[in-house]
Amino acid sequence: MFPLFSFLLWLFALLKSRTERIALNILSAGPIPRHVAFIMDGNRRYARGKHIEVANGHVDGFQTLRRLLEVCLNLNIKCVSVYAFAIENFKRPPEEVDALMKLARDKLHELCEKGNLLDEYGVRLCVLGRTSMLPVDVQEAVQKAENMTRHNDRAILNLCMPYASRDEIATAVQRTVDKTLSDDSDISAITEASIDANLMTTLSGSPPLDILVRTSGVRRLSDYMLWQCAEDTQIQFVPCYWPDFGMREFIPIILAYQRKFWARRAAKDLIDKKK
């Protein structure tokens, strides 16, 4: 009985893997977004629903991030940004914050080990946010991880922690004003483009944001990439919790992006013909 059950599990895993590979090959034939961002919401509610420790919910959430990052890289998505820890999250219970900081430190080391995912796919890691607020050992892990991947140029992973979009915008405005004054330029020379050039995502080399996904069914941005979402970003709210997010949820999002891409292309072609 048990050997048969083990065989069936192996067969199911094999079929699932091959099906996902075929699906990725089909998706790759169409237009692919350059930059996808995720608000990884629902780890705590997932943990409570599974009757496990909250810290274990965050661990499962990291495994989802790892799997999904590999999917994005196989699709040749050039930049993935994730909301790993908000500045507001420091207000959570100390034991949860401590567990998250330990997880961040350990997983930063793991992500950047020789032969691991970032090394295999040539991904440069950028940690965006007020890193000075992090514990010293996490700051050291951040610096080591960024240094180890700084020469990778095939893709970018933006790990936003501790991050708040309003803080990013305020910092970009301050940088822009300081640079304008230091160049003895008139303050009226500051434009939207000037501020955009000083955003953390721009400074990390990230392309414009194409898709923003939030899990857990909550329909708000929670101070994440407010500036970057201001124009043509496709915003998707998904009902499942982050640890449960997978190909079943991601494929329709990419297909929706491709449909919109072709619709815009068709509309543009029609306008050009009328000129």
Protein backbone atom coordinates (compact mmCIF):
# COMPACT_ATOMS: atom_id res chain seq x y z
CA MET A 1 0.00 0.00 0.00
CA PHE A 2 2.66 2.49 1.01
CA PRO A 3 4.93 1.82 -2.01
CA LEU A 4 1.91 2.35 -4.29
CA PHE A 5 1.00 5.58 -2.49
CA SER A 6 4.60 6.83 -2.78
CA PHE A 7 4.61 5.97 -6.48
CA LEU A 8 1.36 7.86 -7.05
CA LEU A 9 2.76 10.91 -5.23
CA TRP A 10 5.90 10.77 -7.38
CA LEU A 11 3.82 10.39 -10.55
CA PHE A 12 1.58 13.33 -9.58
CA ALA A 13 4.63 15.53 -8.87
CA LEU A 14 6.18 14.55 -12.22
CA LEU A 15 2.99 15.31 -14.17
CA LYS A 16 2.55 18.61 -12.35
CA SER A 17 6.14 19.63 -13.10
CA ARG A 18 5.81 18.77 -16.81
CA THR A 19 2.45 20.52 -17.07
CA GLU A 20 3.92 23.68 -15.51
CA ARG A 21 6.90 23.53 -17.89
CA ILE A 22 4.57 23.28 -20.90
CA ALA A 23 2.47 26.18 -19.57
CA LEU A 24 5.60 28.34 -19.14
CA ASN A 25 6.73 27.54 -22.69
CA ILE A 26 3.34 28.59 -24.06
CA LEU A 27 3.30 31.82 -22.02
CA SER A 28 6.85 32.62 -23.15
CA ALA A 29 5.65 32.78 -26.74
CA GLY A 30 3.65 35.93 -25.94
CA PRO A 31 4.61 39.34 -24.52
CA ILE A 32 6.16 39.06 -21.06
CA PRO A 33 6.14 41.82 -18.41
CA ARG A 34 9.52 43.24 -17.49
CA HIS A 35 8.72 44.05 -13.86
CA VAL A 36 6.32 42.23 -11.52
CA ALA A 37 5.83 43.14 -7.84
CA PHE A 38 4.16 41.18 -5.04
CA ILE A 39 2.59 42.20 -1.75
CA MET A 40 3.10 38.90 0.06
CA ASP A 41 0.07 39.14 2.35
CA GLY A 42 -1.63 36.51 4.47
CA ASN A 43 1.20 34.57 6.13
CA ARG A 44 -0.23 35.07 9.63
CA ARG A 45 -3.80 34.15 8.67
CA TYR A 46 -2.45 31.13 6.76
CA ALA A 47 -0.59 30.03 9.91
CA ARG A 48 -3.66 30.45 12.11
CA GLY A 49 -5.75 28.46 9.63
CA LYS A 50 -3.16 25.65 9.65
CA HIS A 51 -2.83 25.82 13.48
CA ILE A 52 0.91 26.40 13.24
CA GLU A 53 3.22 29.05 14.68
CA VAL A 54 3.15 32.44 12.91
CA ALA A 55 6.90 32.12 12.34
CA ASN A 56 6.28 28.90 10.38
CA GLY A 57 3.73 30.74 8.25
CA HIS A 58 6.46 33.21 7.28
CA VAL A 59 8.84 30.31 6.52
CA ASP A 60 6.23 28.78 4.18
CA GLY A 61 5.82 32.22 2.64
CA PHE A 62 9.54 32.32 1.84
CA GLN A 63 9.30 28.94 0.11
CA THR A 64 6.51 30.36 -2.05
CA LEU A 65 8.70 33.34 -2.90
CA ARG A 66 11.53 31.05 -3.92
CA ARG A 67 9.29 28.92 -6.16
CA LEU A 68 7.61 31.93 -7.75
CA LEU A 69 10.90 33.73 -8.32
CA GLU A 70 12.11 30.73 -10.28
CA VAL A 71 8.91 30.77 -12.35
CA CYS A 72 9.42 34.48 -13.11
CA LEU A 73 13.04 33.90 -14.10
CA ASN A 74 12.06 31.02 -16.39
CA LEU A 75 9.57 33.38 -18.04
CA ASN A 76 12.44 35.85 -18.54
CA ILE A 77 10.84 38.52 -16.35
CA LYS A 78 13.70 40.95 -15.79
CA CYS A 79 12.71 42.35 -12.38
CA VAL A 80 10.77 41.00 -9.41
CA SER A 81 9.98 43.21 -6.39
CA VAL A 82 8.55 41.90 -3.13
CA TYR A 83 7.17 43.70 -0.09
CA ALA A 84 9.10 41.74 2.54
CA PHE A 85 8.75 44.02 5.58
CA ALA A 86 6.98 47.36 6.00
CA ILE A 87 8.31 50.07 8.30
CA GLU A 88 4.94 49.79 10.08
CA ASN A 89 5.67 46.11 10.80
CA PHE A 90 8.07 47.13 13.56
CA LYS A 91 4.89 47.78 15.60
CA ARG A 92 4.04 44.07 15.59
CA PRO A 93 4.69 41.91 18.70
CA PRO A 94 8.46 41.80 19.47
CA GLU A 95 8.63 38.00 19.19
CA GLU A 96 7.18 38.13 15.66
CA VAL A 97 9.53 40.93 14.59
CA ASP A 98 12.50 39.00 16.02
CA ALA A 99 11.42 35.85 14.14
CA LEU A 100 11.08 37.83 10.89
CA MET A 101 14.52 39.40 11.32
CA LYS A 102 16.07 35.97 11.97
CA LEU A 103 14.29 34.57 8.91
CA ALA A 104 15.51 37.50 6.80
CA ARG A 105 19.11 37.02 7.95
CA ASP A 106 19.09 33.25 7.37
CA LYS A 107 17.36 33.42 3.99
CA LEU A 108 19.62 36.21 2.73
CA HIS A 109 22.57 33.91 3.40
CA GLU A 110 20.74 31.00 1.77
CA LEU A 111 19.69 32.93 -1.34
CA CYS A 112 23.25 33.98 -2.08
CA GLU A 113 25.05 30.70 -1.50
CA LYS A 114 27.17 29.54 -4.43
CA GLY A 115 25.00 27.53 -6.80
CA ASN A 116 21.74 28.82 -5.34
CA LEU A 117 18.90 30.48 -7.22
CA LEU A 118 20.35 33.99 -7.59
CA ASP A 119 23.73 32.64 -8.63
CA GLU A 120 22.21 30.13 -11.06
CA TYR A 121 20.04 32.72 -12.84
CA GLY A 122 22.42 35.69 -12.58
CA VAL A 123 20.11 37.76 -10.37
CA ARG A 124 21.29 40.94 -8.65
CA LEU A 125 19.77 41.44 -5.21
CA CYS A 126 18.80 44.96 -4.13
CA VAL A 127 17.40 45.60 -0.66
CA LEU A 128 15.26 48.75 -0.84
CA GLY A 129 14.14 50.72 2.19
CA ARG A 130 15.52 52.17 5.42
CA THR A 131 18.03 49.41 6.05
CA SER A 132 19.53 51.42 8.93
CA MET A 133 16.45 50.39 10.95
CA LEU A 134 17.38 46.70 10.66
CA PRO A 135 19.35 44.87 13.38
CA VAL A 136 23.11 44.98 12.83
CA ASP A 137 23.38 41.28 11.91
CA VAL A 138 20.64 41.68 9.27
CA GLN A 139 22.37 44.80 7.89
CA GLU A 140 25.57 42.76 7.57
CA ALA A 141 23.67 39.98 5.77
CA VAL A 142 22.13 42.58 3.41
CA GLN A 143 25.53 44.07 2.59
CA LYS A 144 27.07 40.65 2.01
CA ALA A 145 24.19 39.51 -0.22
CA GLU A 146 24.24 42.70 -2.31
CA ASN A 147 28.03 42.53 -2.69
CA MET A 148 27.95 38.87 -3.71
CA THR A 149 25.38 39.49 -6.46
CA ARG A 150 26.39 42.98 -7.61
CA HIS A 151 27.95 41.69 -10.87
CA ASN A 152 24.88 39.63 -11.85
CA ASP A 153 23.11 41.32 -14.74
CA ARG A 154 20.43 38.97 -16.09
CA ALA A 155 17.68 39.97 -13.65
CA ILE A 156 16.94 41.99 -10.49
CA LEU A 157 15.28 40.99 -7.23
CA ASN A 158 14.15 43.98 -5.17
CA LEU A 159 13.63 42.95 -1.56
CA CYS A 160 11.73 45.86 -0.02
CA MET A 161 12.51 45.94 3.71
CA PRO A 162 11.85 47.94 5.80
CA TYR A 163 9.93 49.90 3.20
CA ALA A 164 7.13 52.44 2.84
CA SER A 165 6.23 54.09 -0.44
CA ARG A 166 5.62 57.50 1.14
CA ASP A 167 9.08 57.30 2.68
CA GLU A 168 10.56 56.38 -0.72
CA ILE A 169 8.82 59.35 -2.37
CA ALA A 170 9.87 61.77 0.40
CA THR A 171 13.47 60.52 0.15
CA ALA A 172 13.43 60.92 -3.64
CA VAL A 173 12.12 64.49 -3.34
CA GLN A 174 14.83 65.30 -0.77
CA ARG A 175 17.56 63.83 -3.00
CA THR A 176 16.24 65.80 -5.97
CA VAL A 177 16.15 69.08 -4.05
CA ASP A 178 19.63 68.52 -2.59
CA LYS A 179 21.09 67.75 -6.03
CA THR A 180 19.36 70.76 -7.60
CA LEU A 181 20.72 73.10 -4.93
CA SER A 182 24.22 71.63 -5.09
CA ASP A 183 24.23 72.19 -8.87
CA ASP A 184 23.16 75.83 -8.32
CA SER A 185 20.10 75.14 -10.44
CA ASP A 186 16.74 76.82 -10.04
CA ILE A 187 14.31 74.84 -7.89
CA SER A 188 11.66 75.33 -10.60
CA ALA A 189 13.75 73.01 -12.78
CA ILE A 190 12.55 70.03 -10.72
CA THR A 191 10.11 67.87 -12.68
CA GLU A 192 8.28 64.60 -12.20
CA ALA A 193 11.08 62.92 -14.16
CA SER A 194 13.66 64.38 -11.76
CA ILE A 195 11.91 62.80 -8.78
CA ASP A 196 11.33 59.52 -10.62
CA ALA A 197 15.07 59.30 -11.32
CA ASN A 198 15.73 59.32 -7.56
CA LEU A 199 13.26 56.61 -6.54
CA MET A 200 14.81 53.53 -4.97
CA THR A 201 13.48 51.30 -7.75
CA THR A 202 14.95 53.56 -10.45
CA LEU A 203 18.31 53.73 -8.70
CA SER A 204 18.36 49.93 -8.53
CA GLY A 205 17.98 49.81 -12.32
CA SER A 206 14.41 48.49 -12.30
CA PRO A 207 12.19 48.96 -15.38
CA PRO A 208 8.70 50.52 -14.99
CA LEU A 209 6.26 48.38 -13.01
CA ASP A 210 3.98 46.28 -15.24
CA ILE A 211 2.07 44.13 -12.73
CA LEU A 212 1.40 44.42 -8.99
CA VAL A 213 -0.11 41.39 -7.25
CA ARG A 214 -1.53 41.36 -3.72
CA THR A 215 -2.65 38.12 -2.10
CA SER A 216 -5.08 37.42 0.79
CA GLY A 217 -8.10 39.18 -0.75
CA VAL A 218 -7.28 42.58 0.77
CA ARG A 219 -7.87 45.30 -1.84
CA ARG A 220 -5.43 48.08 -0.98
CA LEU A 221 -1.80 48.91 -1.71
CA SER A 222 -0.71 49.42 1.92
CA ASP A 223 1.89 52.07 1.11
CA TYR A 224 3.68 49.95 -1.49
CA MET A 225 4.96 51.39 -4.78
CA LEU A 226 2.31 54.13 -4.93
CA TRP A 227 4.34 56.23 -7.37
CA GLN A 228 5.20 53.25 -9.60
CA CYS A 229 1.51 52.23 -9.85
CA ALA A 230 0.36 55.67 -10.98
CA GLU A 231 0.15 54.96 -14.72
CA ASP A 232 -0.26 51.71 -16.66
CA THR A 233 0.38 49.12 -13.96
CA GLN A 234 -1.95 46.11 -13.97
CA ILE A 235 -3.09 45.65 -10.34
CA GLN A 236 -4.33 42.20 -9.33
CA PHE A 237 -5.96 41.26 -6.02
CA VAL A 238 -5.93 37.51 -5.40
CA PRO A 239 -8.06 35.84 -2.68
CA CYS A 240 -5.59 33.15 -1.55
CA TYR A 241 -2.97 33.67 1.15
CA TRP A 242 0.62 34.18 0.01
CA PRO A 243 1.93 30.69 0.98
CA ASP A 244 -0.85 29.16 -1.17
CA PHE A 245 -0.08 31.33 -4.22
CA GLY A 246 1.20 29.34 -7.19
CA MET A 247 0.99 28.70 -10.90
CA ARG A 248 -2.80 28.29 -10.79
CA GLU A 249 -3.10 31.92 -9.66
CA PHE A 250 -0.15 33.34 -11.61
CA ILE A 251 -0.92 32.02 -15.10
CA PRO A 252 -4.26 33.91 -15.43
CA ILE A 253 -2.48 37.12 -14.36
CA ILE A 254 0.12 36.76 -17.12
CA LEU A 255 -2.59 35.88 -19.64
CA ALA A 256 -4.53 39.01 -18.65
CA TYR A 257 -1.37 41.07 -19.21
CA GLN A 258 -0.90 39.51 -22.64
CA ARG A 259 -4.53 40.18 -23.64
CA LYS A 260 -4.19 43.85 -22.62
CA PHE A 261 -0.87 44.10 -24.46
CA TRP A 262 -2.38 42.81 -27.71
CA ALA A 263 -5.50 44.97 -27.28
CA ARG A 264 -3.34 48.09 -26.92
CA ARG A 265 -1.24 47.04 -29.90
CA ALA A 266 -4.38 46.56 -32.01
CA ALA A 267 -5.79 49.93 -30.92
CA LYS A 268 -2.50 51.66 -31.74
CA ASP A 269 -2.36 50.01 -35.18
CA LEU A 270 -5.94 51.14 -35.87
CA ILE A 271 -5.11 54.75 -34.90
CA ASP A 272 -1.98 54.68 -37.07
CA LYS A 273 -4.01 53.46 -40.07
CA LYS A 274 -6.46 56.36 -39.70
CA LYS A 275 -3.71 58.97 -39.78
